[in-house]
């Protein structure tokens, strides 16, 4: 129960060599899944995109947008709306 009979996860990444910019996309697809009794949760797809850019030695900027298609179901999810993440990371 609650597990989709079919689920697909896709990830792709491409690096632009001259700038070392990394572009990526990820997608999760779920088939309709059975619930209690004869109820089913609808199929869903969640797609995200992002970019990672080195700025200096040991410093990079990162941006990602999750749920690009704004997939939403009021009862079964995914969560409503898109999610944007911006960050700068440093390590030594």
PDB file of N, CA and C in Angstrom:
ATOM      1  N   UNK A   1       0.830  -1.207   0.000  1.00  0.00           N
ATOM      2  CA  UNK A   1       0.000   0.000   0.000  1.00  0.00           C
ATOM      3  C   UNK A   1       0.866   1.260   0.000  1.00  0.00           C
ATOM      4  N   UNK A   2       0.366   2.282  -0.605  1.00  0.00           N
ATOM      5  CA  UNK A   2       0.987   3.606  -0.683  1.00  0.00           C
ATOM      6  C   UNK A   2       2.196   3.671  -1.613  1.00  0.00           C
ATOM      7  N   UNK A   3       2.640   2.553  -2.150  1.00  0.00           N
ATOM      8  CA  UNK A   3       3.782   2.571  -3.076  1.00  0.00           C
ATOM      9  C   UNK A   3       3.273   2.541  -4.506  1.00  0.00           C
ATOM     10  N   UNK A   4       3.838   3.399  -5.308  1.00  0.00           N
ATOM     11  CA  UNK A   4       3.470   3.442  -6.710  1.00  0.00           C
ATOM     12  C   UNK A   4       4.008   2.202  -7.435  1.00  0.00           C
ATOM     13  N   UNK A   5       3.223   1.591  -8.323  1.00  0.00           N
ATOM     14  CA  UNK A   5       3.720   0.430  -9.043  1.00  0.00           C
ATOM     15  C   UNK A   5       4.840   0.792 -10.026  1.00  0.00           C
ATOM     16  N   UNK A   6       4.885   2.040 -10.450  1.00  0.00           N
ATOM     17  CA  UNK A   6       5.920   2.497 -11.371  1.00  0.00           C
ATOM     18  C   UNK A   6       6.446   3.853 -10.917  1.00  0.00           C
ATOM     19  N   UNK A   7       7.756   3.960 -10.833  1.00  0.00           N
ATOM     20  CA  UNK A   7       8.390   5.226 -10.473  1.00  0.00           C
ATOM     21  C   UNK A   7       9.651   5.368 -11.320  1.00  0.00           C
ATOM     22  N   UNK A   8       9.887   6.571 -11.813  1.00  0.00           N
ATOM     23  CA  UNK A   8      11.062   6.841 -12.632  1.00  0.00           C
ATOM     24  C   UNK A   8      11.745   8.081 -12.088  1.00  0.00           C
ATOM     25  N   UNK A   9      13.058   7.982 -11.918  1.00  0.00           N
ATOM     26  CA  UNK A   9      13.846   9.141 -11.507  1.00  0.00           C
ATOM     27  C   UNK A   9      14.879   9.381 -12.602  1.00  0.00           C
ATOM     28  N   UNK A  10      15.003  10.626 -13.031  1.00  0.00           N
ATOM     29  CA  UNK A  10      15.913  10.994 -14.102  1.00  0.00           C
ATOM     30  C   UNK A  10      16.783  12.149 -13.633  1.00  0.00           C
ATOM     31  N   UNK A  11      18.087  12.048 -13.875  1.00  0.00           N
ATOM     32  CA  UNK A  11      19.010  13.135 -13.553  1.00  0.00           C
ATOM     33  C   UNK A  11      19.987  13.290 -14.708  1.00  0.00           C
ATOM     34  N   UNK A  12      20.263  14.533 -15.065  1.00  0.00           N
ATOM     35  CA  UNK A  12      21.253  14.811 -16.106  1.00  0.00           C
ATOM     36  C   UNK A  12      22.055  16.036 -15.684  1.00  0.00           C
ATOM     37  N   UNK A  13      23.335  16.011 -16.055  1.00  0.00           N
ATOM     38  CA  UNK A  13      24.220  17.121 -15.696  1.00  0.00           C
ATOM     39  C   UNK A  13      25.131  17.406 -16.883  1.00  0.00           C
ATOM     40  N   UNK A  14      25.375  18.679 -17.136  1.00  0.00           N
ATOM     41  CA  UNK A  14      26.259  19.083 -18.220  1.00  0.00           C
ATOM     42  C   UNK A  14      27.193  20.161 -17.696  1.00  0.00           C
ATOM     43  N   UNK A  15      28.484  20.017 -17.982  1.00  0.00           N
ATOM     44  CA  UNK A  15      29.472  21.008 -17.563  1.00  0.00           C
ATOM     45  C   UNK A  15      29.954  21.789 -18.779  1.00  0.00           C
ATOM     46  N   UNK A  16      29.858  23.105 -18.700  1.00  0.00           N
ATOM     47  CA  UNK A  16      30.376  23.994 -19.740  1.00  0.00           C
ATOM     48  C   UNK A  16      31.862  24.175 -19.441  1.00  0.00           C
ATOM     49  N   UNK A  17      32.706  23.529 -20.218  1.00  0.00           N
ATOM     50  CA  UNK A  17      34.143  23.440 -19.912  1.00  0.00           C
ATOM     51  C   UNK A  17      34.841  24.799 -19.727  1.00  0.00           C
ATOM     52  N   UNK A  18      34.674  25.773 -20.622  1.00  0.00           N
ATOM     53  CA  UNK A  18      35.435  27.022 -20.464  1.00  0.00           C
ATOM     54  C   UNK A  18      35.148  27.774 -19.158  1.00  0.00           C
ATOM     55  N   UNK A  19      33.908  27.707 -18.684  1.00  0.00           N
ATOM     56  CA  UNK A  19      33.539  28.453 -17.478  1.00  0.00           C
ATOM     57  C   UNK A  19      33.371  27.559 -16.251  1.00  0.00           C
ATOM     58  N   UNK A  20      33.419  26.242 -16.450  1.00  0.00           N
ATOM     59  CA  UNK A  20      33.196  25.248 -15.397  1.00  0.00           C
ATOM     60  C   UNK A  20      31.786  25.349 -14.805  1.00  0.00           C
ATOM     61  N   UNK A  21      30.871  25.941 -15.527  1.00  0.00           N
ATOM     62  CA  UNK A  21      29.475  26.034 -15.095  1.00  0.00           C
ATOM     63  C   UNK A  21      28.824  24.657 -15.223  1.00  0.00           C
ATOM     64  N   UNK A  22      28.108  24.247 -14.182  1.00  0.00           N
ATOM     65  CA  UNK A  22      27.411  22.961 -14.202  1.00  0.00           C
ATOM     66  C   UNK A  22      25.906  23.229 -14.260  1.00  0.00           C
ATOM     67  N   UNK A  23      25.256  22.695 -15.282  1.00  0.00           N
ATOM     68  CA  UNK A  23      23.804  22.798 -15.438  1.00  0.00           C
ATOM     69  C   UNK A  23      23.217  21.428 -15.152  1.00  0.00           C
ATOM     70  N   UNK A  24      22.096  21.383 -14.477  1.00  0.00           N
ATOM     71  CA  UNK A  24      21.495  20.075 -14.198  1.00  0.00           C
ATOM     72  C   UNK A  24      19.980  20.138 -14.211  1.00  0.00           C
ATOM     73  N   UNK A  25      19.396  18.973 -14.435  1.00  0.00           N
ATOM     74  CA  UNK A  25      17.945  18.800 -14.395  1.00  0.00           C
ATOM     75  C   UNK A  25      17.678  17.469 -13.699  1.00  0.00           C
ATOM     76  N   UNK A  26      16.610  17.417 -12.945  1.00  0.00           N
ATOM     77  CA  UNK A  26      16.192  16.170 -12.308  1.00  0.00           C
ATOM     78  C   UNK A  26      14.678  16.090 -12.356  1.00  0.00           C
ATOM     79  N   UNK A  27      14.178  14.879 -12.505  1.00  0.00           N
ATOM     80  CA  UNK A  27      12.734  14.673 -12.591  1.00  0.00           C
ATOM     81  C   UNK A  27      12.358  13.385 -11.875  1.00  0.00           C
ATOM     82  N   UNK A  28      11.235  13.418 -11.188  1.00  0.00           N
ATOM     83  CA  UNK A  28      10.676  12.250 -10.505  1.00  0.00           C
ATOM     84  C   UNK A  28       9.242  12.063 -10.980  1.00  0.00           C
ATOM     85  N   UNK A  29       8.957  10.891 -11.496  1.00  0.00           N
ATOM     86  CA  UNK A  29       7.625  10.572 -11.986  1.00  0.00           C
ATOM     87  C   UNK A  29       7.074   9.401 -11.174  1.00  0.00           C
ATOM     88  N   UNK A  30       5.851   9.534 -10.685  1.00  0.00           N
ATOM     89  CA  UNK A  30       5.183   8.461  -9.946  1.00  0.00           C
ATOM     90  C   UNK A  30       3.869   8.124 -10.634  1.00  0.00           C
ATOM     91  N   UNK A  31       3.625   6.839 -10.801  1.00  0.00           N
ATOM     92  CA  UNK A  31       2.354   6.368 -11.325  1.00  0.00           C
ATOM     93  C   UNK A  31       1.301   6.516 -10.217  1.00  0.00           C
ATOM     94  N   UNK A  32       0.039   6.411 -10.575  1.00  0.00           N
ATOM     95  CA  UNK A  32      -1.025   6.436  -9.557  1.00  0.00           C
ATOM     96  C   UNK A  32      -0.734   5.348  -8.527  1.00  0.00           C
ATOM     97  N   UNK A  33      -0.946   5.653  -7.264  1.00  0.00           N
ATOM     98  CA  UNK A  33      -0.619   4.681  -6.219  1.00  0.00           C
ATOM     99  C   UNK A  33      -1.854   4.344  -5.390  1.00  0.00           C
ATOM    100  N   UNK A  34      -1.958   3.073  -5.017  1.00  0.00           N
ATOM    101  CA  UNK A  34      -3.135   2.627  -4.266  1.00  0.00           C
ATOM    102  C   UNK A  34      -3.109   3.125  -2.825  1.00  0.00           C
ATOM    103  N   UNK A  35      -4.272   3.438  -2.338  1.00  0.00           N
ATOM    104  CA  UNK A  35      -4.452   3.843  -0.932  1.00  0.00           C
ATOM    105  C   UNK A  35      -5.396   2.841  -0.277  1.00  0.00           C
ATOM    106  N   UNK A  36      -5.934   3.185   0.852  1.00  0.00           N
ATOM    107  CA  UNK A  36      -6.871   2.300   1.558  1.00  0.00           C
ATOM    108  C   UNK A  36      -8.128   2.075   0.716  1.00  0.00           C
ATOM    109  N   UNK A  37      -8.641   0.871   0.789  1.00  0.00           N
ATOM    110  CA  UNK A  37      -9.874   0.555   0.056  1.00  0.00           C
ATOM    111  C   UNK A  37      -9.636   0.601  -1.437  1.00  0.00           C
ATOM    112  N   UNK A  38     -10.535   1.253  -2.149  1.00  0.00           N
ATOM    113  CA  UNK A  38     -10.382   1.344  -3.599  1.00  0.00           C
ATOM    114  C   UNK A  38      -9.945   2.735  -4.045  1.00  0.00           C
ATOM    115  N   UNK A  39      -9.387   3.533  -3.154  1.00  0.00           N
ATOM    116  CA  UNK A  39      -8.910   4.872  -3.496  1.00  0.00           C
ATOM    117  C   UNK A  39      -7.509   4.802  -4.095  1.00  0.00           C
ATOM    118  N   UNK A  40      -7.211   5.751  -4.972  1.00  0.00           N
ATOM    119  CA  UNK A  40      -5.858   5.872  -5.517  1.00  0.00           C
ATOM    120  C   UNK A  40      -5.440   7.331  -5.508  1.00  0.00           C
ATOM    121  N   UNK A  41      -4.156   7.553  -5.275  1.00  0.00           N
ATOM    122  CA  UNK A  41      -3.583   8.890  -5.393  1.00  0.00           C
ATOM    123  C   UNK A  41      -3.178   9.067  -6.850  1.00  0.00           C
ATOM    124  N   UNK A  42      -3.377  10.245  -7.423  1.00  0.00           N
ATOM    125  CA  UNK A  42      -3.077  10.435  -8.843  1.00  0.00           C
ATOM    126  C   UNK A  42      -1.572  10.395  -9.133  1.00  0.00           C
ATOM    127  N   UNK A  43      -1.242  10.161 -10.393  1.00  0.00           N
ATOM    128  CA  UNK A  43       0.149  10.194 -10.834  1.00  0.00           C
ATOM    129  C   UNK A  43       0.690  11.615 -10.669  1.00  0.00           C
ATOM    130  N   UNK A  44       1.998  11.730 -10.526  1.00  0.00           N
ATOM    131  CA  UNK A  44       2.586  13.058 -10.379  1.00  0.00           C
ATOM    132  C   UNK A  44       3.966  13.104 -11.017  1.00  0.00           C
ATOM    133  N   UNK A  45       4.397  14.319 -11.318  1.00  0.00           N
ATOM    134  CA  UNK A  45       5.732  14.556 -11.868  1.00  0.00           C
ATOM    135  C   UNK A  45       6.297  15.818 -11.227  1.00  0.00           C
ATOM    136  N   UNK A  46       7.513  15.736 -10.739  1.00  0.00           N
ATOM    137  CA  UNK A  46       8.180  16.896 -10.159  1.00  0.00           C
ATOM    138  C   UNK A  46       9.516  17.059 -10.888  1.00  0.00           C
ATOM    139  N   UNK A  47       9.722  18.242 -11.458  1.00  0.00           N
ATOM    140  CA  UNK A  47      10.927  18.528 -12.242  1.00  0.00           C
ATOM    141  C   UNK A  47      11.667  19.690 -11.601  1.00  0.00           C
ATOM    142  N   UNK A  48      12.987  19.593 -11.538  1.00  0.00           N
ATOM    143  CA  UNK A  48      13.813  20.667 -10.999  1.00  0.00           C
ATOM    144  C   UNK A  48      14.983  20.953 -11.929  1.00  0.00           C
ATOM    145  N   UNK A  49      15.448  22.196 -11.912  1.00  0.00           N
ATOM    146  CA  UNK A  49      16.599  22.615 -12.714  1.00  0.00           C
ATOM    147  C   UNK A  49      17.533  23.424 -11.827  1.00  0.00           C
ATOM    148  N   UNK A  50      18.801  23.496 -12.232  1.00  0.00           N
ATOM    149  CA  UNK A  50      19.728  24.275 -11.427  1.00  0.00           C
ATOM    150  C   UNK A  50      21.028  24.560 -12.143  1.00  0.00           C
ATOM    151  N   UNK A  51      21.827  25.395 -11.488  1.00  0.00           N
ATOM    152  CA  UNK A  51      23.139  25.772 -12.008  1.00  0.00           C
ATOM    153  C   UNK A  51      24.103  25.930 -10.835  1.00  0.00           C
ATOM    154  N   UNK A  52      25.334  25.494 -11.055  1.00  0.00           N
ATOM    155  CA  UNK A  52      26.407  25.670 -10.062  1.00  0.00           C
ATOM    156  C   UNK A  52      27.551  26.369 -10.787  1.00  0.00           C
ATOM    157  N   UNK A  53      28.012  27.498 -10.238  1.00  0.00           N
ATOM    158  CA  UNK A  53      29.045  28.289 -10.899  1.00  0.00           C
ATOM    159  C   UNK A  53      30.217  28.546  -9.962  1.00  0.00           C
ATOM    160  N   UNK A  54      31.407  28.035 -10.294  1.00  0.00           N
ATOM    161  CA  UNK A  54      32.584  28.408  -9.510  1.00  0.00           C
ATOM    162  C   UNK A  54      32.861  29.896  -9.672  1.00  0.00           C
ATOM    163  N   UNK A  55      33.170  30.566  -8.559  1.00  0.00           N
ATOM    164  CA  UNK A  55      33.462  31.998  -8.594  1.00  0.00           C
ATOM    165  C   UNK A  55      34.961  32.259  -8.444  1.00  0.00           C
ATOM    166  N   UNK A  56      35.540  31.670  -7.431  1.00  0.00           N
ATOM    167  CA  UNK A  56      36.973  31.780  -7.143  1.00  0.00           C
ATOM    168  C   UNK A  56      37.434  30.409  -6.680  1.00  0.00           C
ATOM    169  N   UNK A  57      38.713  30.281  -6.374  1.00  0.00           N
ATOM    170  CA  UNK A  57      39.175  29.037  -5.774  1.00  0.00           C
ATOM    171  C   UNK A  57      38.426  28.828  -4.463  1.00  0.00           C
ATOM    172  N   UNK A  58      37.791  27.697  -4.311  1.00  0.00           N
ATOM    173  CA  UNK A  58      37.077  27.308  -3.085  1.00  0.00           C
ATOM    174  C   UNK A  58      35.808  28.116  -2.806  1.00  0.00           C
ATOM    175  N   UNK A  59      35.238  28.756  -3.821  1.00  0.00           N
ATOM    176  CA  UNK A  59      33.968  29.489  -3.659  1.00  0.00           C
ATOM    177  C   UNK A  59      33.103  29.216  -4.890  1.00  0.00           C
ATOM    178  N   UNK A  60      31.833  28.872  -4.647  1.00  0.00           N
ATOM    179  CA  UNK A  60      30.909  28.659  -5.755  1.00  0.00           C
ATOM    180  C   UNK A  60      29.519  29.173  -5.407  1.00  0.00           C
ATOM    181  N   UNK A  61      28.777  29.551  -6.434  1.00  0.00           N
ATOM    182  CA  UNK A  61      27.380  29.971  -6.292  1.00  0.00           C
ATOM    183  C   UNK A  61      26.508  28.837  -6.820  1.00  0.00           C
ATOM    184  N   UNK A  62      25.326  28.703  -6.228  1.00  0.00           N
ATOM    185  CA  UNK A  62      24.418  27.624  -6.575  1.00  0.00           C
ATOM    186  C   UNK A  62      22.999  28.169  -6.612  1.00  0.00           C
ATOM    187  N   UNK A  63      22.242  27.781  -7.633  1.00  0.00           N
ATOM    188  CA  UNK A  63      20.831  28.161  -7.712  1.00  0.00           C
ATOM    189  C   UNK A  63      20.047  26.971  -8.246  1.00  0.00           C
ATOM    190  N   UNK A  64      18.901  26.702  -7.639  1.00  0.00           N
ATOM    191  CA  UNK A  64      18.042  25.627  -8.151  1.00  0.00           C
ATOM    192  C   UNK A  64      16.575  26.023  -8.001  1.00  0.00           C
ATOM    193  N   UNK A  65      15.781  25.541  -8.926  1.00  0.00           N
ATOM    194  CA  UNK A  65      14.341  25.757  -8.913  1.00  0.00           C
ATOM    195  C   UNK A  65      13.681  24.390  -8.921  1.00  0.00           C
ATOM    196  N   UNK A  66      12.943  24.072  -7.873  1.00  0.00           N
ATOM    197  CA  UNK A  66      12.277  22.783  -7.751  1.00  0.00           C
ATOM    198  C   UNK A  66      10.798  22.932  -8.093  1.00  0.00           C
ATOM    199  N   UNK A  67      10.202  21.877  -8.597  1.00  0.00           N
ATOM    200  CA  UNK A  67       8.794  21.844  -8.991  1.00  0.00           C
ATOM    201  C   UNK A  67       8.493  22.890 -10.072  1.00  0.00           C
ATOM    202  N   UNK A  68       9.318  22.882 -11.111  1.00  0.00           N
ATOM    203  CA  UNK A  68       9.192  23.831 -12.217  1.00  0.00           C
ATOM    204  C   UNK A  68       7.795  23.804 -12.828  1.00  0.00           C
ATOM    205  N   UNK A  69       7.194  22.642 -12.932  1.00  0.00           N
ATOM    206  CA  UNK A  69       5.867  22.501 -13.545  1.00  0.00           C
ATOM    207  C   UNK A  69       4.735  22.870 -12.599  1.00  0.00           C
ATOM    208  N   UNK A  70       5.064  23.225 -11.364  1.00  0.00           N
ATOM    209  CA  UNK A  70       4.089  23.576 -10.334  1.00  0.00           C
ATOM    210  C   UNK A  70       3.067  22.460 -10.110  1.00  0.00           C
ATOM    211  N   UNK A  71       3.554  21.219 -10.058  1.00  0.00           N
ATOM    212  CA  UNK A  71       2.683  20.068  -9.793  1.00  0.00           C
ATOM    213  C   UNK A  71       2.106  20.191  -8.388  1.00  0.00           C
ATOM    214  N   UNK A  72       0.813  19.873  -8.269  1.00  0.00           N
ATOM    215  CA  UNK A  72       0.174  20.021  -6.961  1.00  0.00           C
ATOM    216  C   UNK A  72      -1.135  19.252  -6.940  1.00  0.00           C
ATOM    217  N   UNK A  73      -1.381  18.591  -5.835  1.00  0.00           N
ATOM    218  CA  UNK A  73      -2.683  17.992  -5.556  1.00  0.00           C
ATOM    219  C   UNK A  73      -2.994  18.333  -4.111  1.00  0.00           C
ATOM    220  N   UNK A  74      -4.182  18.860  -3.799  1.00  0.00           N
ATOM    221  CA  UNK A  74      -4.467  19.351  -2.445  1.00  0.00           C
ATOM    222  C   UNK A  74      -4.412  18.281  -1.359  1.00  0.00           C
ATOM    223  N   UNK A  75      -4.614  17.034  -1.701  1.00  0.00           N
ATOM    224  CA  UNK A  75      -4.612  15.971  -0.695  1.00  0.00           C
ATOM    225  C   UNK A  75      -3.331  15.151  -0.704  1.00  0.00           C
ATOM    226  N   UNK A  76      -2.831  14.816  -1.882  1.00  0.00           N
ATOM    227  CA  UNK A  76      -1.756  13.836  -1.980  1.00  0.00           C
ATOM    228  C   UNK A  76      -0.381  14.417  -2.313  1.00  0.00           C
ATOM    229  N   UNK A  77      -0.283  15.727  -2.534  1.00  0.00           N
ATOM    230  CA  UNK A  77       1.007  16.333  -2.817  1.00  0.00           C
ATOM    231  C   UNK A  77       1.393  16.171  -4.270  1.00  0.00           C
ATOM    232  N   UNK A  78       2.524  16.656  -4.662  1.00  0.00           N
ATOM    233  CA  UNK A  78       3.575  17.283  -3.862  1.00  0.00           C
ATOM    234  C   UNK A  78       3.142  18.634  -3.306  1.00  0.00           C
ATOM    235  N   UNK A  79       4.008  19.213  -2.491  1.00  0.00           N
ATOM    236  CA  UNK A  79       3.704  20.504  -1.879  1.00  0.00           C
ATOM    237  C   UNK A  79       3.415  21.540  -2.961  1.00  0.00           C
ATOM    238  N   UNK A  80       2.547  22.491  -2.679  1.00  0.00           N
ATOM    239  CA  UNK A  80       2.202  23.493  -3.688  1.00  0.00           C
ATOM    240  C   UNK A  80       3.348  24.462  -3.948  1.00  0.00           C
ATOM    241  N   UNK A  81       3.386  24.971  -5.147  1.00  0.00           N
ATOM    242  CA  UNK A  81       4.323  26.036  -5.500  1.00  0.00           C
ATOM    243  C   UNK A  81       5.700  25.551  -5.878  1.00  0.00           C
ATOM    244  N   UNK A  82       6.440  26.503  -6.385  1.00  0.00           N
ATOM    245  CA  UNK A  82       7.821  26.250  -6.767  1.00  0.00           C
ATOM    246  C   UNK A  82       8.726  26.647  -5.608  1.00  0.00           C
ATOM    247  N   UNK A  83       9.916  26.085  -5.607  1.00  0.00           N
ATOM    248  CA  UNK A  83      10.863  26.363  -4.532  1.00  0.00           C
ATOM    249  C   UNK A  83      12.186  26.810  -5.153  1.00  0.00           C
ATOM    250  N   UNK A  84      12.674  27.976  -4.757  1.00  0.00           N
ATOM    251  CA  UNK A  84      13.920  28.526  -5.273  1.00  0.00           C
ATOM    252  C   UNK A  84      14.966  28.510  -4.159  1.00  0.00           C
ATOM    253  N   UNK A  85      16.141  27.990  -4.469  1.00  0.00           N
ATOM    254  CA  UNK A  85      17.242  27.965  -3.516  1.00  0.00           C
ATOM    255  C   UNK A  85      18.430  28.680  -4.133  1.00  0.00           C
ATOM    256  N   UNK A  86      18.975  29.672  -3.416  1.00  0.00           N
ATOM    257  CA  UNK A  86      20.174  30.400  -3.831  1.00  0.00           C
ATOM    258  C   UNK A  86      21.190  30.293  -2.702  1.00  0.00           C
ATOM    259  N   UNK A  87      22.441  29.961  -3.037  1.00  0.00           N
ATOM    260  CA  UNK A  87      23.443  29.866  -1.989  1.00  0.00           C
ATOM    261  C   UNK A  87      24.836  30.128  -2.550  1.00  0.00           C
ATOM    262  N   UNK A  88      25.729  30.483  -1.646  1.00  0.00           N
ATOM    263  CA  UNK A  88      27.143  30.614  -1.949  1.00  0.00           C
ATOM    264  C   UNK A  88      27.861  29.718  -0.975  1.00  0.00           C
ATOM    265  N   UNK A  89      28.788  28.904  -1.496  1.00  0.00           N
ATOM    266  CA  UNK A  89      29.483  27.947  -0.646  1.00  0.00           C
ATOM    267  C   UNK A  89      30.978  28.193  -0.740  1.00  0.00           C
ATOM    268  N   UNK A  90      31.648  28.053   0.416  1.00  0.00           N
ATOM    269  CA  UNK A  90      33.088  28.211   0.472  1.00  0.00           C
ATOM    270  C   UNK A  90      33.663  27.080   1.313  1.00  0.00           C
ATOM    271  N   UNK A  91      34.816  26.601   0.956  1.00  0.00           N
ATOM    272  CA  UNK A  91      35.498  25.558   1.724  1.00  0.00           C
ATOM    273  C   UNK A  91      36.999  25.799   1.667  1.00  0.00           C
ATOM    274  N   UNK A  92      37.682  25.353   2.706  1.00  0.00           N
ATOM    275  CA  UNK A  92      39.133  25.547   2.792  1.00  0.00           C
ATOM    276  C   UNK A  92      39.819  24.298   3.228  1.00  0.00           C
TER     277      UNK A  92
END
